[in-house]
Amino acid sequence: MFLGEDLLGWLLLALGGAMVVGNAMALIRPPAGLEDGDLERPPIWRSVLYIVLGTAAALWALATLVD
């Protein structure tokens, strides 16, 4: 199989980790340069929801890869 048998698990781990880190960083340090139509801060509840979903995906992937 191309890139190994655990490719889906690694991709899910990368996606979940990116969701967690990206949304957490957006909450901690919002972008400095704002263009027309940009929000000053990201929506809190959407960011928290994405952090929770990303954590669940990353944990699921880790459980799959360890097994």
PDB file of N, CA and C in Angstrom:
ATOM      1  N   MET A   1       0.838  -1.179   0.000  1.00  0.00           N
ATOM      2  CA  MET A   1       0.000   0.000   0.000  1.00  0.00           C
ATOM      3  C   MET A   1       0.891   1.253   0.000  1.00  0.00           C
ATOM      4  N   PHE A   2       0.456   2.268  -0.672  1.00  0.00           N
ATOM      5  CA  PHE A   2       1.206   3.518  -0.791  1.00  0.00           C
ATOM      6  C   PHE A   2       1.331   4.211   0.561  1.00  0.00           C
ATOM      7  N   LEU A   3       2.539   4.487   0.996  1.00  0.00           N
ATOM      8  CA  LEU A   3       2.871   5.173   2.252  1.00  0.00           C
ATOM      9  C   LEU A   3       2.489   4.391   3.501  1.00  0.00           C
ATOM     10  N   GLY A   4       2.343   3.104   3.415  1.00  0.00           N
ATOM     11  CA  GLY A   4       2.109   2.271   4.589  1.00  0.00           C
ATOM     12  C   GLY A   4       0.641   1.990   4.849  1.00  0.00           C
ATOM     13  N   GLU A   5       0.423   1.057   5.753  1.00  0.00           N
ATOM     14  CA  GLU A   5      -0.941   0.637   6.070  1.00  0.00           C
ATOM     15  C   GLU A   5      -1.646   1.584   7.029  1.00  0.00           C
ATOM     16  N   ASP A   6      -0.914   2.410   7.733  1.00  0.00           N
ATOM     17  CA  ASP A   6      -1.495   3.310   8.731  1.00  0.00           C
ATOM     18  C   ASP A   6      -1.649   4.734   8.217  1.00  0.00           C
ATOM     19  N   LEU A   7      -1.750   4.903   6.917  1.00  0.00           N
ATOM     20  CA  LEU A   7      -1.808   6.243   6.341  1.00  0.00           C
ATOM     21  C   LEU A   7      -3.017   7.028   6.848  1.00  0.00           C
ATOM     22  N   LEU A   8      -4.171   6.400   6.917  1.00  0.00           N
ATOM     23  CA  LEU A   8      -5.377   7.106   7.361  1.00  0.00           C
ATOM     24  C   LEU A   8      -5.260   7.560   8.814  1.00  0.00           C
ATOM     25  N   GLY A   9      -4.663   6.741   9.646  1.00  0.00           N
ATOM     26  CA  GLY A   9      -4.460   7.125  11.042  1.00  0.00           C
ATOM     27  C   GLY A   9      -3.526   8.313  11.174  1.00  0.00           C
ATOM     28  N   TRP A  10      -2.438   8.326  10.402  1.00  0.00           N
ATOM     29  CA  TRP A  10      -1.505   9.456  10.444  1.00  0.00           C
ATOM     30  C   TRP A  10      -2.142  10.723   9.909  1.00  0.00           C
ATOM     31  N   LEU A  11      -2.934  10.612   8.854  1.00  0.00           N
ATOM     32  CA  LEU A  11      -3.616  11.789   8.312  1.00  0.00           C
ATOM     33  C   LEU A  11      -4.639  12.346   9.299  1.00  0.00           C
ATOM     34  N   LEU A  12      -5.357  11.466   9.983  1.00  0.00           N
ATOM     35  CA  LEU A  12      -6.327  11.910  10.978  1.00  0.00           C
ATOM     36  C   LEU A  12      -5.628  12.567  12.161  1.00  0.00           C
ATOM     37  N   LEU A  13      -4.487  12.040  12.557  1.00  0.00           N
ATOM     38  CA  LEU A  13      -3.709  12.655  13.637  1.00  0.00           C
ATOM     39  C   LEU A  13      -3.225  14.043  13.230  1.00  0.00           C
ATOM     40  N   ALA A  14      -2.763  14.181  12.003  1.00  0.00           N
ATOM     41  CA  ALA A  14      -2.299  15.487  11.528  1.00  0.00           C
ATOM     42  C   ALA A  14      -3.448  16.487  11.440  1.00  0.00           C
ATOM     43  N   LEU A  15      -4.587  16.063  10.942  1.00  0.00           N
ATOM     44  CA  LEU A  15      -5.740  16.950  10.827  1.00  0.00           C
ATOM     45  C   LEU A  15      -6.242  17.389  12.199  1.00  0.00           C
ATOM     46  N   GLY A  16      -6.375  16.452  13.124  1.00  0.00           N
ATOM     47  CA  GLY A  16      -6.835  16.785  14.470  1.00  0.00           C
ATOM     48  C   GLY A  16      -5.867  17.705  15.182  1.00  0.00           C
ATOM     49  N   GLY A  17      -4.574  17.433  15.064  1.00  0.00           N
ATOM     50  CA  GLY A  17      -3.576  18.288  15.689  1.00  0.00           C
ATOM     51  C   GLY A  17      -3.575  19.689  15.105  1.00  0.00           C
ATOM     52  N   ALA A  18      -3.738  19.780  13.795  1.00  0.00           N
ATOM     53  CA  ALA A  18      -3.776  21.098  13.157  1.00  0.00           C
ATOM     54  C   ALA A  18      -5.010  21.886  13.580  1.00  0.00           C
ATOM     55  N   MET A  19      -6.140  21.200  13.739  1.00  0.00           N
ATOM     56  CA  MET A  19      -7.347  21.892  14.200  1.00  0.00           C
ATOM     57  C   MET A  19      -7.153  22.446  15.603  1.00  0.00           C
ATOM     58  N   VAL A  20      -6.547  21.658  16.469  1.00  0.00           N
ATOM     59  CA  VAL A  20      -6.341  22.092  17.857  1.00  0.00           C
ATOM     60  C   VAL A  20      -5.362  23.261  17.919  1.00  0.00           C
ATOM     61  N   VAL A  21      -4.208  23.097  17.297  1.00  0.00           N
ATOM     62  CA  VAL A  21      -3.168  24.122  17.385  1.00  0.00           C
ATOM     63  C   VAL A  21      -3.600  25.412  16.690  1.00  0.00           C
ATOM     64  N   GLY A  22      -4.187  25.299  15.510  1.00  0.00           N
ATOM     65  CA  GLY A  22      -4.592  26.490  14.759  1.00  0.00           C
ATOM     66  C   GLY A  22      -5.651  27.307  15.477  1.00  0.00           C
ATOM     67  N   ASN A  23      -6.658  26.651  16.003  1.00  0.00           N
ATOM     68  CA  ASN A  23      -7.718  27.385  16.688  1.00  0.00           C
ATOM     69  C   ASN A  23      -7.269  27.904  18.044  1.00  0.00           C
ATOM     70  N   ALA A  24      -6.413  27.168  18.732  1.00  0.00           N
ATOM     71  CA  ALA A  24      -5.897  27.661  20.009  1.00  0.00           C
ATOM     72  C   ALA A  24      -5.026  28.894  19.791  1.00  0.00           C
ATOM     73  N   MET A  25      -4.204  28.874  18.760  1.00  0.00           N
ATOM     74  CA  MET A  25      -3.359  30.034  18.481  1.00  0.00           C
ATOM     75  C   MET A  25      -4.191  31.234  18.032  1.00  0.00           C
ATOM     76  N   ALA A  26      -5.276  30.985  17.320  1.00  0.00           N
ATOM     77  CA  ALA A  26      -6.141  32.093  16.912  1.00  0.00           C
ATOM     78  C   ALA A  26      -6.803  32.741  18.127  1.00  0.00           C
ATOM     79  N   LEU A  27      -7.113  31.951  19.149  1.00  0.00           N
ATOM     80  CA  LEU A  27      -7.695  32.516  20.366  1.00  0.00           C
ATOM     81  C   LEU A  27      -6.640  33.247  21.197  1.00  0.00           C
ATOM     82  N   ILE A  28      -5.438  32.683  21.258  1.00  0.00           N
ATOM     83  CA  ILE A  28      -4.391  33.275  22.091  1.00  0.00           C
ATOM     84  C   ILE A  28      -3.829  34.539  21.450  1.00  0.00           C
ATOM     85  N   ARG A  29      -3.477  34.458  20.177  1.00  0.00           N
ATOM     86  CA  ARG A  29      -2.884  35.596  19.470  1.00  0.00           C
ATOM     87  C   ARG A  29      -3.619  35.817  18.157  1.00  0.00           C
ATOM     88  N   PRO A  30      -4.658  36.643  18.155  1.00  0.00           N
ATOM     89  CA  PRO A  30      -5.365  36.915  16.894  1.00  0.00           C
ATOM     90  C   PRO A  30      -4.453  37.662  15.927  1.00  0.00           C
ATOM     91  N   PRO A  31      -4.756  37.617  14.630  1.00  0.00           N
ATOM     92  CA  PRO A  31      -3.897  38.279  13.648  1.00  0.00           C
ATOM     93  C   PRO A  31      -3.774  39.775  13.927  1.00  0.00           C
ATOM     94  N   ALA A  32      -2.570  40.323  13.708  1.00  0.00           N
ATOM     95  CA  ALA A  32      -2.318  41.734  13.980  1.00  0.00           C
ATOM     96  C   ALA A  32      -2.859  42.622  12.866  1.00  0.00           C
ATOM     97  N   GLY A  33      -2.610  42.242  11.637  1.00  0.00           N
ATOM     98  CA  GLY A  33      -3.047  43.064  10.504  1.00  0.00           C
ATOM     99  C   GLY A  33      -4.443  42.684  10.051  1.00  0.00           C
ATOM    100  N   LEU A  34      -5.386  43.595  10.211  1.00  0.00           N
ATOM    101  CA  LEU A  34      -6.764  43.322   9.811  1.00  0.00           C
ATOM    102  C   LEU A  34      -7.065  44.004   8.479  1.00  0.00           C
ATOM    103  N   GLU A  35      -7.726  43.270   7.612  1.00  0.00           N
ATOM    104  CA  GLU A  35      -8.177  43.842   6.350  1.00  0.00           C
ATOM    105  C   GLU A  35      -9.656  44.174   6.465  1.00  0.00           C
ATOM    106  N   ASP A  36     -10.194  44.773   5.451  1.00  0.00           N
ATOM    107  CA  ASP A  36     -11.604  45.162   5.445  1.00  0.00           C
ATOM    108  C   ASP A  36     -12.490  43.921   5.547  1.00  0.00           C
ATOM    109  N   GLY A  37     -13.352  43.880   6.532  1.00  0.00           N
ATOM    110  CA  GLY A  37     -14.272  42.767   6.713  1.00  0.00           C
ATOM    111  C   GLY A  37     -13.776  41.692   7.660  1.00  0.00           C
ATOM    112  N   ASP A  38     -12.536  41.805   8.154  1.00  0.00           N
ATOM    113  CA  ASP A  38     -12.008  40.821   9.096  1.00  0.00           C
ATOM    114  C   ASP A  38     -12.538  41.083  10.497  1.00  0.00           C
ATOM    115  N   LEU A  39     -12.664  40.013  11.274  1.00  0.00           N
ATOM    116  CA  LEU A  39     -13.065  40.130  12.669  1.00  0.00           C
ATOM    117  C   LEU A  39     -11.845  40.422  13.530  1.00  0.00           C
ATOM    118  N   GLU A  40     -12.039  41.157  14.634  1.00  0.00           N
ATOM    119  CA  GLU A  40     -10.927  41.432  15.545  1.00  0.00           C
ATOM    120  C   GLU A  40     -10.485  40.167  16.274  1.00  0.00           C
ATOM    121  N   ARG A  41     -11.438  39.355  16.687  1.00  0.00           N
ATOM    122  CA  ARG A  41     -11.155  38.090  17.365  1.00  0.00           C
ATOM    123  C   ARG A  41     -12.002  37.004  16.719  1.00  0.00           C
ATOM    124  N   PRO A  42     -11.539  35.771  16.734  1.00  0.00           N
ATOM    125  CA  PRO A  42     -12.353  34.676  16.188  1.00  0.00           C
ATOM    126  C   PRO A  42     -13.533  34.394  17.117  1.00  0.00           C
ATOM    127  N   PRO A  43     -14.625  33.858  16.584  1.00  0.00           N
ATOM    128  CA  PRO A  43     -15.755  33.481  17.442  1.00  0.00           C
ATOM    129  C   PRO A  43     -15.320  32.418  18.462  1.00  0.00           C
ATOM    130  N   ILE A  44     -15.591  32.690  19.732  1.00  0.00           N
ATOM    131  CA  ILE A  44     -15.110  31.836  20.824  1.00  0.00           C
ATOM    132  C   ILE A  44     -15.710  30.432  20.746  1.00  0.00           C
ATOM    133  N   TRP A  45     -17.019  30.341  20.614  1.00  0.00           N
ATOM    134  CA  TRP A  45     -17.669  29.027  20.656  1.00  0.00           C
ATOM    135  C   TRP A  45     -17.288  28.158  19.471  1.00  0.00           C
ATOM    136  N   ARG A  46     -17.138  28.759  18.300  1.00  0.00           N
ATOM    137  CA  ARG A  46     -16.715  27.978  17.136  1.00  0.00           C
ATOM    138  C   ARG A  46     -15.294  27.462  17.333  1.00  0.00           C
ATOM    139  N   SER A  47     -14.429  28.307  17.857  1.00  0.00           N
ATOM    140  CA  SER A  47     -13.050  27.891  18.085  1.00  0.00           C
ATOM    141  C   SER A  47     -12.969  26.782  19.137  1.00  0.00           C
ATOM    142  N   VAL A  48     -13.719  26.915  20.203  1.00  0.00           N
ATOM    143  CA  VAL A  48     -13.723  25.882  21.242  1.00  0.00           C
ATOM    144  C   VAL A  48     -14.281  24.574  20.689  1.00  0.00           C
ATOM    145  N   LEU A  49     -15.323  24.649  19.876  1.00  0.00           N
ATOM    146  CA  LEU A  49     -15.883  23.449  19.261  1.00  0.00           C
ATOM    147  C   LEU A  49     -14.857  22.761  18.366  1.00  0.00           C
ATOM    148  N   TYR A  50     -14.128  23.523  17.560  1.00  0.00           N
ATOM    149  CA  TYR A  50     -13.104  22.949  16.692  1.00  0.00           C
ATOM    150  C   TYR A  50     -11.949  22.368  17.499  1.00  0.00           C
ATOM    151  N   ILE A  51     -11.615  22.990  18.619  1.00  0.00           N
ATOM    152  CA  ILE A  51     -10.564  22.441  19.480  1.00  0.00           C
ATOM    153  C   ILE A  51     -11.009  21.098  20.061  1.00  0.00           C
ATOM    154  N   VAL A  52     -12.258  21.013  20.499  1.00  0.00           N
ATOM    155  CA  VAL A  52     -12.777  19.758  21.056  1.00  0.00           C
ATOM    156  C   VAL A  52     -12.831  18.676  19.983  1.00  0.00           C
ATOM    157  N   LEU A  53     -13.322  19.019  18.786  1.00  0.00           N
ATOM    158  CA  LEU A  53     -13.389  18.033  17.700  1.00  0.00           C
ATOM    159  C   LEU A  53     -11.994  17.600  17.266  1.00  0.00           C
ATOM    160  N   GLY A  54     -11.062  18.521  17.194  1.00  0.00           N
ATOM    161  CA  GLY A  54      -9.696  18.176  16.826  1.00  0.00           C
ATOM    162  C   GLY A  54      -9.031  17.286  17.852  1.00  0.00           C
ATOM    163  N   THR A  55      -9.292  17.561  19.133  1.00  0.00           N
ATOM    164  CA  THR A  55      -8.747  16.713  20.195  1.00  0.00           C
ATOM    165  C   THR A  55      -9.313  15.308  20.109  1.00  0.00           C
ATOM    166  N   ALA A  56     -10.614  15.194  19.872  1.00  0.00           N
ATOM    167  CA  ALA A  56     -11.235  13.878  19.743  1.00  0.00           C
ATOM    168  C   ALA A  56     -10.658  13.118  18.547  1.00  0.00           C
ATOM    169  N   ALA A  57     -10.472  13.794  17.426  1.00  0.00           N
ATOM    170  CA  ALA A  57      -9.915  13.146  16.242  1.00  0.00           C
ATOM    171  C   ALA A  57      -8.478  12.701  16.484  1.00  0.00           C
ATOM    172  N   ALA A  58      -7.685  13.546  17.129  1.00  0.00           N
ATOM    173  CA  ALA A  58      -6.292  13.201  17.392  1.00  0.00           C
ATOM    174  C   ALA A  58      -6.185  12.035  18.380  1.00  0.00           C
ATOM    175  N   LEU A  59      -7.014  12.029  19.398  1.00  0.00           N
ATOM    176  CA  LEU A  59      -6.994  10.921  20.351  1.00  0.00           C
ATOM    177  C   LEU A  59      -7.442   9.619  19.696  1.00  0.00           C
ATOM    178  N   TRP A  60      -8.449   9.695  18.847  1.00  0.00           N
ATOM    179  CA  TRP A  60      -8.920   8.512  18.125  1.00  0.00           C
ATOM    180  C   TRP A  60      -7.801   7.972  17.233  1.00  0.00           C
ATOM    181  N   ALA A  61      -7.108   8.875  16.546  1.00  0.00           N
ATOM    182  CA  ALA A  61      -6.016   8.453  15.681  1.00  0.00           C
ATOM    183  C   ALA A  61      -4.883   7.826  16.492  1.00  0.00           C
ATOM    184  N   LEU A  62      -4.554   8.426  17.630  1.00  0.00           N
ATOM    185  CA  LEU A  62      -3.508   7.845  18.476  1.00  0.00           C
ATOM    186  C   LEU A  62      -3.896   6.450  18.969  1.00  0.00           C
ATOM    187  N   ALA A  63      -5.155   6.294  19.351  1.00  0.00           N
ATOM    188  CA  ALA A  63      -5.624   4.980  19.795  1.00  0.00           C
ATOM    189  C   ALA A  63      -5.552   3.964  18.657  1.00  0.00           C
ATOM    190  N   THR A  64      -5.832   4.393  17.450  1.00  0.00           N
ATOM    191  CA  THR A  64      -5.773   3.506  16.294  1.00  0.00           C
ATOM    192  C   THR A  64      -4.330   3.129  15.981  1.00  0.00           C
ATOM    193  N   LEU A  65      -3.419   4.090  16.059  1.00  0.00           N
ATOM    194  CA  LEU A  65      -2.028   3.817  15.723  1.00  0.00           C
ATOM    195  C   LEU A  65      -1.327   2.980  16.782  1.00  0.00           C
ATOM    196  N   VAL A  66      -1.701   3.118  18.045  1.00  0.00           N
ATOM    197  CA  VAL A  66      -1.071   2.356  19.118  1.00  0.00           C
ATOM    198  C   VAL A  66      -1.529   0.904  19.087  1.00  0.00           C
ATOM    199  N   ASP A  67      -2.746   0.670  18.682  1.00  0.00           N
ATOM    200  CA  ASP A  67      -3.314  -0.684  18.666  1.00  0.00           C
ATOM    201  C   ASP A  67      -2.628  -1.584  17.740  1.00  0.00           C
TER     202      ASP A  67
END
